[in-house]
Protein backbone atom coordinates (compact mmCIF):
# COMPACT_ATOMS: atom_id res chain seq x y z
CA MET A 1 -14.65 -16.42 53.01
CA GLY A 2 -11.23 -18.16 53.11
CA PHE A 3 -10.19 -21.85 52.52
CA ILE A 4 -10.33 -22.37 56.51
CA ASP A 5 -13.67 -20.80 56.78
CA ARG A 6 -15.13 -22.55 54.05
CA LEU A 7 -13.43 -26.01 55.12
CA PHE A 8 -14.99 -25.92 58.84
CA GLY A 9 -18.21 -24.29 58.07
CA ARG A 10 -17.70 -20.94 59.31
CA GLY A 11 -20.33 -18.47 58.02
CA GLU A 12 -22.46 -21.49 57.36
CA ARG A 13 -24.05 -21.56 60.70
CA GLU A 14 -25.13 -17.82 60.14
CA VAL A 15 -27.04 -19.06 56.85
CA VAL A 16 -29.04 -21.75 59.04
CA ALA A 17 -29.06 -19.94 62.51
CA ASN A 18 -32.58 -18.53 61.69
CA VAL A 19 -34.01 -21.60 59.82
CA PRO A 20 -36.39 -23.70 62.56
CA LYS A 21 -34.93 -27.10 63.41
CA THR A 22 -37.88 -28.88 62.04
CA ILE A 23 -37.23 -27.34 58.45
CA ALA A 24 -33.60 -27.53 58.77
CA ARG A 25 -33.51 -31.21 59.16
CA GLY A 26 -36.93 -32.47 57.97
CA GLY A 27 -37.90 -30.01 55.33
CA GLY A 28 -36.21 -28.59 51.91
CA VAL A 29 -33.37 -26.70 53.96
CA GLN A 30 -30.63 -28.83 55.49
CA ALA A 31 -28.26 -27.27 57.92
CA PHE A 32 -25.23 -28.92 56.66
CA THR A 33 -21.82 -27.86 57.93
CA ALA A 34 -18.95 -27.65 55.33
CA MET A 35 -17.27 -30.73 57.27
CA ASP A 36 -20.50 -32.75 56.55
CA ILE A 37 -19.60 -35.12 53.43
CA ASP A 38 -23.03 -34.45 51.60
CA SER A 39 -22.42 -30.75 52.34
CA PRO A 40 -23.33 -28.74 49.05
CA VAL A 41 -20.93 -25.96 50.34
CA LEU A 42 -17.98 -28.34 50.36
CA ALA A 43 -18.98 -29.89 47.11
CA GLU A 44 -19.15 -26.63 45.53
CA PHE A 45 -16.01 -25.57 46.83
CA LEU A 46 -14.16 -28.71 45.71
CA ARG A 47 -15.68 -28.61 42.35
CA ASP A 48 -15.43 -24.87 41.67
CA GLY A 49 -12.77 -23.95 43.94
CA ARG A 50 -10.49 -22.39 40.88
CA VAL A 51 -8.53 -19.33 42.86
CA SER A 52 -7.60 -16.88 40.06
CA ALA A 53 -4.71 -14.50 40.10
CA SER A 54 -6.80 -11.65 41.15
CA GLY A 55 -7.96 -13.44 44.30
CA VAL A 56 -11.44 -14.30 42.91
CA SER A 57 -12.78 -17.99 43.28
CA VAL A 58 -13.94 -18.59 39.67
CA SER A 59 -17.11 -21.12 39.37
CA GLU A 60 -18.60 -22.25 36.27
CA THR A 61 -21.60 -20.06 37.10
CA MET A 62 -19.35 -17.09 37.44
CA ALA A 63 -17.71 -18.08 34.20
CA LEU A 64 -21.00 -18.26 32.31
CA ARG A 65 -21.97 -14.87 33.70
CA ASN A 66 -18.85 -13.38 31.80
CA SER A 67 -20.77 -12.11 28.43
CA THR A 68 -17.75 -12.97 26.44
CA PHE A 69 -17.18 -16.54 27.61
CA PHE A 70 -21.08 -17.22 27.70
CA ARG A 71 -21.34 -15.88 24.05
CA ALA A 72 -18.38 -17.84 22.61
CA ALA A 73 -19.60 -21.05 24.41
CA ASN A 74 -23.05 -20.63 23.20
CA LEU A 75 -21.86 -19.95 19.64
CA ILE A 76 -19.75 -23.06 19.38
CA ALA A 77 -22.21 -25.28 21.05
CA SER A 78 -25.17 -24.12 18.96
CA SER A 79 -23.34 -24.16 15.93
CA MET A 80 -22.28 -27.89 16.27
CA GLY A 81 -25.79 -28.67 17.29
CA MET A 82 -27.47 -27.39 14.15
CA LEU A 83 -25.14 -29.04 11.78
CA PRO A 84 -26.43 -32.07 10.27
CA THR A 85 -24.29 -35.33 11.19
CA HIS A 86 -24.40 -38.15 8.71
CA LEU A 87 -23.28 -41.73 8.64
CA MET A 88 -21.46 -42.25 5.22
CA ARG A 89 -20.34 -45.14 3.27
CA ARG A 90 -17.75 -45.72 0.51
CA THR A 91 -17.89 -48.85 -1.59
CA THR A 92 -15.66 -50.10 -4.17
CA ALA A 93 -16.77 -51.91 -7.23
CA ALA A 94 -15.17 -54.85 -8.86
CA ASP A 95 -13.85 -52.51 -11.36
CA GLY A 96 -12.13 -50.29 -8.84
CA LYS A 97 -14.50 -47.49 -9.22
CA GLU A 98 -15.37 -45.86 -5.65
CA THR A 99 -19.23 -44.84 -4.85
CA ILE A 100 -20.01 -42.70 -1.74
CA GLY A 101 -23.32 -42.39 -0.27
CA LYS A 102 -25.34 -41.73 2.96
CA ALA A 103 -25.52 -45.34 4.85
CA LYS A 104 -29.44 -44.84 5.58
CA ASP A 105 -29.73 -48.39 6.23
CA HIS A 106 -27.74 -48.65 9.20
CA PRO A 107 -29.44 -48.13 12.47
CA LEU A 108 -26.81 -45.43 13.70
CA TYR A 109 -27.50 -43.26 10.78
CA ARG A 110 -30.84 -42.16 12.36
CA VAL A 111 -29.34 -42.07 15.87
CA LEU A 112 -26.83 -39.43 14.71
CA LEU A 113 -29.14 -37.54 12.30
CA LYS A 114 -32.29 -37.50 14.22
CA ARG A 115 -32.87 -39.02 17.88
CA PRO A 116 -30.00 -40.19 20.01
CA ASN A 117 -32.33 -40.91 22.63
CA ALA A 118 -35.73 -40.76 23.89
CA TYR A 119 -35.78 -37.27 25.45
CA GLN A 120 -33.32 -35.27 23.47
CA THR A 121 -33.19 -34.39 19.78
CA ALA A 122 -29.80 -34.45 17.82
CA PHE A 123 -29.54 -30.68 18.00
CA GLU A 124 -30.13 -30.81 21.82
CA PHE A 125 -27.76 -34.12 22.11
CA LYS A 126 -24.88 -32.34 20.27
CA SER A 127 -25.12 -28.95 21.69
CA TYR A 128 -25.09 -30.35 25.31
CA MET A 129 -22.29 -32.67 24.67
CA GLN A 130 -20.14 -29.90 23.08
CA LEU A 131 -21.05 -27.62 26.00
CA LEU A 132 -19.85 -30.08 28.42
CA ALA A 133 -16.48 -30.49 26.35
CA LEU A 134 -15.96 -26.74 26.96
CA LEU A 135 -16.82 -26.48 30.37
CA ASP A 136 -15.36 -29.85 31.92
CA GLY A 137 -13.17 -30.91 29.06
CA ASN A 138 -15.24 -34.47 28.68
CA ALA A 139 -18.60 -35.64 27.86
CA TYR A 140 -19.58 -39.01 28.35
CA ALA A 141 -22.66 -41.01 27.31
CA LEU A 142 -23.93 -44.61 27.59
CA ILE A 143 -24.43 -46.61 24.42
CA VAL A 144 -27.36 -48.70 24.64
CA ARG A 145 -27.46 -51.62 22.15
CA GLY A 146 -30.13 -53.95 21.08
CA ILE A 147 -31.54 -56.02 17.98
CA VAL A 148 -32.65 -53.98 14.80
CA ARG A 149 -34.05 -55.77 11.81
CA GLY A 150 -32.96 -59.08 13.25
CA LYS A 151 -29.44 -57.97 13.81
CA ALA A 152 -28.01 -57.98 17.40
CA ASN A 153 -25.78 -55.57 19.08
CA GLN A 154 -26.90 -52.64 17.00
CA ILE A 155 -27.00 -48.89 18.70
CA LEU A 156 -30.57 -47.70 19.83
CA HIS A 157 -29.59 -44.75 21.73
CA ILE A 158 -26.96 -42.75 23.11
CA VAL A 159 -27.83 -41.47 26.58
CA PRO A 160 -25.29 -38.65 28.22
CA LEU A 161 -24.12 -40.02 31.72
CA LYS A 162 -24.06 -37.69 34.79
CA ARG A 163 -21.65 -34.89 34.99
CA HIS A 164 -18.54 -35.57 37.00
CA ALA A 165 -19.43 -39.07 37.67
CA VAL A 166 -17.19 -40.72 35.00
CA THR A 167 -13.56 -41.61 35.27
CA PRO A 168 -11.62 -43.11 32.03
CA LYS A 169 -8.80 -45.85 33.57
CA LEU A 170 -6.37 -47.45 31.45
CA SER A 171 -4.78 -50.63 32.84
CA ASP A 172 -1.18 -51.64 32.51
CA ASP A 173 -1.94 -53.59 29.44
CA TRP A 174 -3.67 -50.63 27.80
CA GLN A 175 -7.25 -51.89 27.95
CA LEU A 176 -9.51 -48.86 28.52
CA THR A 177 -12.46 -48.71 30.76
CA PHE A 178 -14.79 -46.15 32.34
CA GLU A 179 -15.75 -46.12 36.33
CA TYR A 180 -19.01 -44.91 36.78
CA ARG A 181 -20.37 -43.58 40.11
CA ARG A 182 -24.21 -44.40 40.11
CA PRO A 183 -26.32 -41.33 41.33
CA GLY A 184 -28.07 -43.63 43.99
CA GLY A 185 -24.72 -44.85 45.14
CA GLY A 186 -22.26 -47.60 44.08
CA THR A 187 -19.62 -47.64 41.34
CA VAL A 188 -19.67 -49.81 38.21
CA THR A 189 -17.04 -50.41 35.45
CA LEU A 190 -18.20 -49.94 31.81
CA PRO A 191 -16.12 -51.42 29.01
CA ALA A 192 -15.10 -48.88 26.46
CA SER A 193 -17.51 -50.40 23.96
CA ASP A 194 -20.62 -49.15 26.07
CA VAL A 195 -19.35 -45.44 26.65
CA PHE A 196 -19.12 -42.62 24.02
CA HIS A 197 -16.66 -40.28 25.31
CA PHE A 198 -16.23 -37.03 23.70
CA ARG A 199 -13.52 -34.69 24.83
CA HIS A 200 -11.57 -31.23 24.31
CA PRO A 201 -8.90 -31.79 21.38
CA ILE A 202 -6.03 -31.09 23.90
CA THR A 203 -5.44 -33.35 26.72
CA LYS A 204 -2.79 -33.66 29.26
CA ASP A 205 -2.67 -37.48 29.67
CA GLY A 206 -4.20 -38.52 26.24
CA LEU A 207 -7.32 -39.74 28.20
CA LYS A 208 -9.25 -36.66 29.69
CA GLY A 209 -9.60 -33.17 27.81
CA VAL A 210 -8.46 -29.81 29.20
CA ASP A 211 -11.22 -27.84 31.05
CA LEU A 212 -11.60 -24.37 29.60
CA ILE A 213 -12.46 -22.62 32.66
CA ASP A 214 -9.41 -24.11 34.36
CA MET A 215 -7.08 -22.60 31.22
CA ALA A 216 -9.19 -19.09 31.47
CA VAL A 217 -9.47 -18.82 35.32
CA ASN A 218 -7.13 -15.82 35.34
CA ALA A 219 -8.61 -13.77 32.61
CA ILE A 220 -12.45 -14.67 34.06
CA GLY A 221 -11.20 -13.73 37.51
CA ILE A 222 -9.70 -10.40 36.55
CA ALA A 223 -12.73 -9.62 34.29
CA ALA A 224 -14.96 -10.29 37.38
CA GLN A 225 -12.71 -7.98 39.52
CA ALA A 226 -13.03 -5.27 36.80
CA GLU A 227 -16.89 -5.43 36.66
CA LYS A 228 -16.95 -5.27 40.49
CA ALA A 229 -14.75 -2.37 40.50
CA ALA A 230 -16.90 -0.57 37.91
CA GLY A 231 -20.14 -1.61 39.88
CA LYS A 232 -18.77 0.00 42.96
CA VAL A 233 -18.40 3.41 41.14
CA LEU A 234 -21.80 3.25 39.78
CA LYS A 235 -23.47 1.92 42.92
CA GLY A 236 -24.14 5.46 44.50
CA GLY A 237 -25.92 6.42 41.42
CA VAL A 238 -23.70 9.51 41.28
CA MET A 239 -20.01 9.32 40.38
CA ALA A 240 -17.51 11.43 42.68
CA GLY A 241 -16.56 14.02 40.13
CA GLY A 242 -14.81 16.10 43.14
CA ALA A 243 -14.64 17.77 46.43
CA LEU A 244 -16.07 20.78 48.20
CA GLU A 245 -13.36 23.10 49.72
CA THR A 246 -13.73 26.12 52.11
CA GLU A 247 -11.23 28.37 54.00
CA LYS A 248 -13.58 28.48 56.84
CA GLU A 249 -14.26 25.91 59.43
CA LEU A 250 -17.69 24.25 59.10
CA GLY A 251 -19.36 23.09 62.45
CA ASP A 252 -20.32 19.54 63.09
CA GLU A 253 -23.99 20.27 62.22
CA ALA A 254 -23.01 22.12 59.06
CA ILE A 255 -21.06 18.88 57.87
CA GLU A 256 -23.68 16.64 59.11
CA ASN A 257 -26.40 18.60 56.73
CA LEU A 258 -24.26 18.89 53.87
CA ARG A 259 -23.42 15.08 54.07
CA GLU A 260 -27.23 14.11 54.55
CA SER A 261 -27.83 16.48 51.65
CA MET A 262 -25.14 14.57 49.38
CA ARG A 263 -26.94 11.30 50.38
CA GLU A 264 -30.38 12.37 49.43
CA ARG A 265 -28.90 13.24 45.75
CA GLN A 266 -27.37 9.79 45.35
CA ILE A 267 -30.47 7.69 46.30
CA ASP A 268 -31.16 7.56 42.48
CA GLY A 269 -29.23 8.59 39.45
CA GLU A 270 -31.65 11.52 38.37
CA ALA A 271 -29.41 14.12 39.86
CA ALA A 272 -26.52 12.74 37.79
CA GLY A 273 -24.76 15.87 36.05
CA GLU A 274 -26.35 18.49 38.00
CA TRP A 275 -24.53 21.22 39.95
CA LEU A 276 -24.73 21.86 43.70
CA ILE A 277 -25.57 25.28 45.32
CA LEU A 278 -22.78 26.13 47.79
CA GLU A 279 -23.00 27.88 50.78
CA GLU A 280 -20.89 28.74 53.84
CA GLY A 281 -18.27 29.89 51.25
CA LEU A 282 -17.86 26.06 49.53
CA LYS A 283 -15.86 26.00 46.41
CA ALA A 284 -15.99 23.14 44.07
CA LYS A 285 -13.05 21.46 43.24
CA PRO A 286 -13.46 18.79 40.37
CA PHE A 287 -11.25 15.66 40.54
CA VAL A 288 -8.64 15.38 37.67
CA THR A 289 -9.39 11.61 37.18
CA SER A 290 -12.79 10.05 36.16
CA ALA A 291 -14.13 6.79 35.74
CA LYS A 292 -12.94 6.76 32.27
CA ASP A 293 -9.32 7.96 33.25
CA ALA A 294 -9.24 4.94 35.59
CA GLN A 295 -9.39 2.83 32.62
CA PHE A 296 -12.19 0.51 33.80
CA ASP A 297 -13.58 0.33 30.58
CA GLU A 298 -10.04 -0.27 28.75
CA MET A 299 -9.65 -3.15 31.46
CA ARG A 300 -12.91 -4.81 30.59
CA LYS A 301 -12.34 -4.81 27.04
CA ARG A 302 -8.72 -6.12 27.64
CA GLN A 303 -10.11 -8.85 29.76
CA ALA A 304 -13.00 -9.59 27.01
CA GLU A 305 -10.29 -10.15 24.66
CA GLU A 306 -8.29 -12.47 26.67
CA VAL A 307 -11.44 -14.51 27.28
CA SER A 308 -11.94 -14.69 23.64
CA ARG A 309 -8.38 -15.98 22.94
CA PHE A 310 -9.50 -19.22 24.77
CA THR A 311 -12.29 -20.01 22.54
CA GLY A 312 -10.89 -19.16 19.15
CA VAL A 313 -14.19 -17.22 18.33
CA PRO A 314 -13.47 -14.42 15.87
CA ARG A 315 -13.82 -10.87 17.69
CA PRO A 316 -16.76 -9.53 15.46
CA LEU A 317 -18.93 -12.70 16.29
CA LEU A 318 -18.35 -11.82 20.10
CA MET A 319 -19.61 -8.19 19.23
CA PHE A 320 -16.31 -6.54 19.61
CA ASP A 321 -16.17 -4.63 16.26
CA GLU A 322 -18.88 -3.11 14.36
CA THR A 323 -16.78 -2.31 11.53
CA SER A 324 -16.13 -5.99 10.33
CA TRP A 325 -19.82 -6.71 9.63
CA GLY A 326 -21.07 -6.33 6.04
CA SER A 327 -18.94 -7.28 2.90
CA GLY A 328 -16.60 -9.11 5.05
CA ILE A 329 -19.26 -11.35 6.54
CA GLU A 330 -18.48 -14.26 4.30
CA GLN A 331 -14.77 -14.25 5.04
CA LEU A 332 -15.66 -13.96 8.79
CA GLY A 333 -17.85 -17.13 8.53
CA LEU A 334 -15.12 -19.05 6.62
CA TYR A 335 -12.73 -18.11 9.33
CA PHE A 336 -15.24 -19.26 12.18
CA VAL A 337 -15.67 -22.67 10.63
CA THR A 338 -11.91 -23.09 9.49
CA TYR A 339 -9.99 -22.06 12.62
CA CYS A 340 -12.58 -22.45 15.30
CA LEU A 341 -15.01 -25.50 14.56
CA MET A 342 -12.96 -27.38 12.13
CA PRO A 343 -11.07 -29.17 14.94
CA TRP A 344 -14.16 -29.76 16.64
CA PHE A 345 -15.53 -31.41 13.51
CA VAL A 346 -12.55 -33.71 13.43
CA ALA A 347 -12.92 -34.70 16.91
CA TRP A 348 -16.60 -35.33 16.94
CA GLU A 349 -16.14 -37.60 13.74
CA GLN A 350 -13.59 -39.42 15.04
CA ALA A 351 -14.99 -39.92 18.65
CA ILE A 352 -18.13 -41.35 16.89
CA GLU A 353 -15.88 -43.56 14.98
CA ARG A 354 -13.94 -44.90 17.64
CA SER A 355 -16.78 -45.43 20.23
CA CYS A 356 -19.53 -46.62 18.11
CA PHE A 357 -18.14 -48.54 15.38
CA SER A 358 -17.55 -52.42 15.86
CA ALA A 359 -14.15 -53.83 15.27
CA ALA A 360 -15.52 -54.88 11.95
CA GLU A 361 -16.89 -51.77 10.75
CA GLN A 362 -13.65 -50.42 11.71
CA ASP A 363 -11.65 -52.83 9.53
CA ALA A 364 -13.56 -52.67 6.67
CA ASP A 365 -13.15 -48.96 6.65
CA GLU A 366 -16.18 -48.21 4.67
CA LEU A 367 -18.19 -46.39 6.82
CA TYR A 368 -17.34 -42.88 8.21
CA VAL A 369 -19.03 -39.69 9.92
CA LYS A 370 -19.27 -36.34 8.03
CA PHE A 371 -20.39 -33.14 9.49
CA ASN A 372 -22.09 -30.85 6.96
CA GLU A 373 -20.20 -27.58 7.45
CA GLY A 374 -21.62 -26.22 4.31
CA ALA A 375 -24.84 -25.33 6.46
CA LEU A 376 -22.53 -22.62 7.80
CA LEU A 377 -21.14 -21.47 4.56
CA ARG A 378 -24.12 -21.16 2.39
CA GLY A 379 -23.72 -17.59 1.70
CA SER A 380 -26.25 -15.39 -0.24
CA LEU A 381 -28.50 -16.70 -2.86
CA LYS A 382 -26.48 -14.94 -5.52
CA ASP A 383 -23.21 -16.77 -4.18
CA GLN A 384 -25.14 -20.11 -4.40
CA ALA A 385 -26.31 -19.53 -7.90
CA ASP A 386 -22.96 -18.66 -8.95
CA PHE A 387 -21.19 -21.46 -7.25
CA PHE A 388 -23.98 -24.30 -8.41
CA ALA A 389 -23.66 -22.62 -12.04
CA LYS A 390 -19.99 -23.51 -12.17
CA ALA A 391 -20.77 -27.00 -10.66
CA LEU A 392 -22.96 -27.87 -13.57
CA GLY A 393 -20.61 -26.96 -16.36
CA PRO A 394 -21.14 -26.91 -19.26
CA ASN A 395 -17.61 -28.20 -20.17
CA SER A 396 -16.38 -29.18 -16.64
CA ALA A 397 -19.26 -30.16 -14.76
CA TYR A 398 -18.79 -32.15 -11.11
CA ARG A 399 -22.13 -32.14 -9.64
CA THR A 400 -25.49 -33.57 -11.16
CA PRO A 401 -28.62 -31.52 -11.29
CA ASP A 402 -30.20 -33.77 -8.79
CA GLU A 403 -27.25 -32.85 -6.47
CA VAL A 404 -27.85 -29.15 -6.87
CA ARG A 405 -31.46 -29.62 -6.40
CA GLY A 406 -31.11 -31.58 -3.16
CA ALA A 407 -29.09 -28.87 -1.69
CA PHE A 408 -32.38 -26.70 -1.93
CA ASP A 409 -34.65 -29.44 -0.84
CA LEU A 410 -36.12 -30.04 -4.20
CA ASN A 411 -37.12 -33.21 -5.70
CA PRO A 412 -35.01 -34.97 -8.19
CA ILE A 413 -35.64 -34.99 -12.06
CA GLU A 414 -35.52 -37.46 -14.49
CA GLY A 415 -32.07 -37.96 -16.09
CA GLY A 416 -31.06 -35.65 -13.23
CA ASP A 417 -28.48 -38.17 -11.67
CA THR A 418 -25.78 -37.90 -14.48
CA LEU A 419 -23.24 -35.10 -14.87
CA PRO A 420 -24.19 -32.68 -17.89
CA LYS A 421 -22.52 -33.71 -21.01
CA PRO A 422 -19.77 -31.11 -22.56
CA SER A 423 -21.46 -28.85 -24.96
CA ALA A 424 -21.30 -30.18 -28.71
CA THR A 425 -20.26 -26.63 -29.83
CA THR A 426 -16.41 -25.46 -29.13
CA ALA A 427 -14.80 -22.06 -29.80
CA LYS A 428 -12.85 -22.19 -32.75
CA GLN A 429 -9.32 -21.62 -32.32
CA PRO A 430 -7.69 -18.87 -34.46
CA LYS A 431 -5.78 -19.73 -37.57
CA GLU A 432 -2.00 -19.17 -37.52
CA PRO A 433 -0.93 -16.66 -40.35
CA ALA A 434 0.52 -18.22 -43.55
CA ASP A 435 4.07 -18.09 -44.29
CA ASP A 436 4.90 -15.70 -46.69
């Protein structure tokens, strides 16, 4: 359906033509035309009307039905959601010594690590916000403040706002506000201190992140066309492998009988690969090209690679390559964290600090947010044992026994909060030979 057809509702009347008027206006189905301001058809078109180079209008649903895009989006969103997010504090003593620890006494600590709001876990909240940043370029949440342990204006909850309902505004004197369109109607202007704004690291105007579907619209559209072409080849149940030739002239009845026989064989795929019994001097002439020669498979693989480039997820994690699994899995995980997730770590940490820290906390520069990316890089038990053995010394220890035990969720031990002392025994240096 073209632009004019969709805009003026041509085709919508066919959808609701057989719906009784009592249901159409009074029940669950409403006979909207595309010109109605509340028409879901118009809303869908205006929201998802991305036309790709292949001529296909790419919607969000179509993008998520692309296996490569869905896998990449799911992998990034779930990985960010599963990682612990800690509120940290650095303090400096009178002697200048700096100490770093978790700010468990701060109300924001539990909000980030455990329960951002009443209906979402930390995993669900971060995964959802991350997915919106991928699909929409932006994710917005309302910061709810209250009194905690006698202190006012403390963060109690962070509640996601409705999609496509928030617009950031920057005034002439560079004051940031957010225009929020209420689901029930009406618009309210929210100050920047009341909105948590998480966006894609790349922006066009410095305020709103880029929409990943907009960026990958051509790759997704061509991939959809390739899937459609392959589906048409397989739709009949049996691929056309050739033609039937004869030097005789077949009558209309013979042609129709032969055609009907071929239709019966194509009803299901059980006859695939079987030979036909030819009559009337017919000869089989196989086609030179096949579905593989038509490069449908190659085109689909090519487009899968194109889609993957927009997400930054390594090919093996998208199930492209089978040879990279095994000995290279550790390096593959390191690549994923370093080149795909690390920009998102920084975006999350700085967005929380910008939106959730008070002006006094930002000026003090004591609090900061840290994602524990080490949860994705733990490796095997042998790798962990080797790493912590080196971390404990004996002559160059940089971790305490309690820190190592804490990594395995073990309780502290007596004296485990101090670094191991260097070994008393040192290797003897060889004596230099005496001069003759």
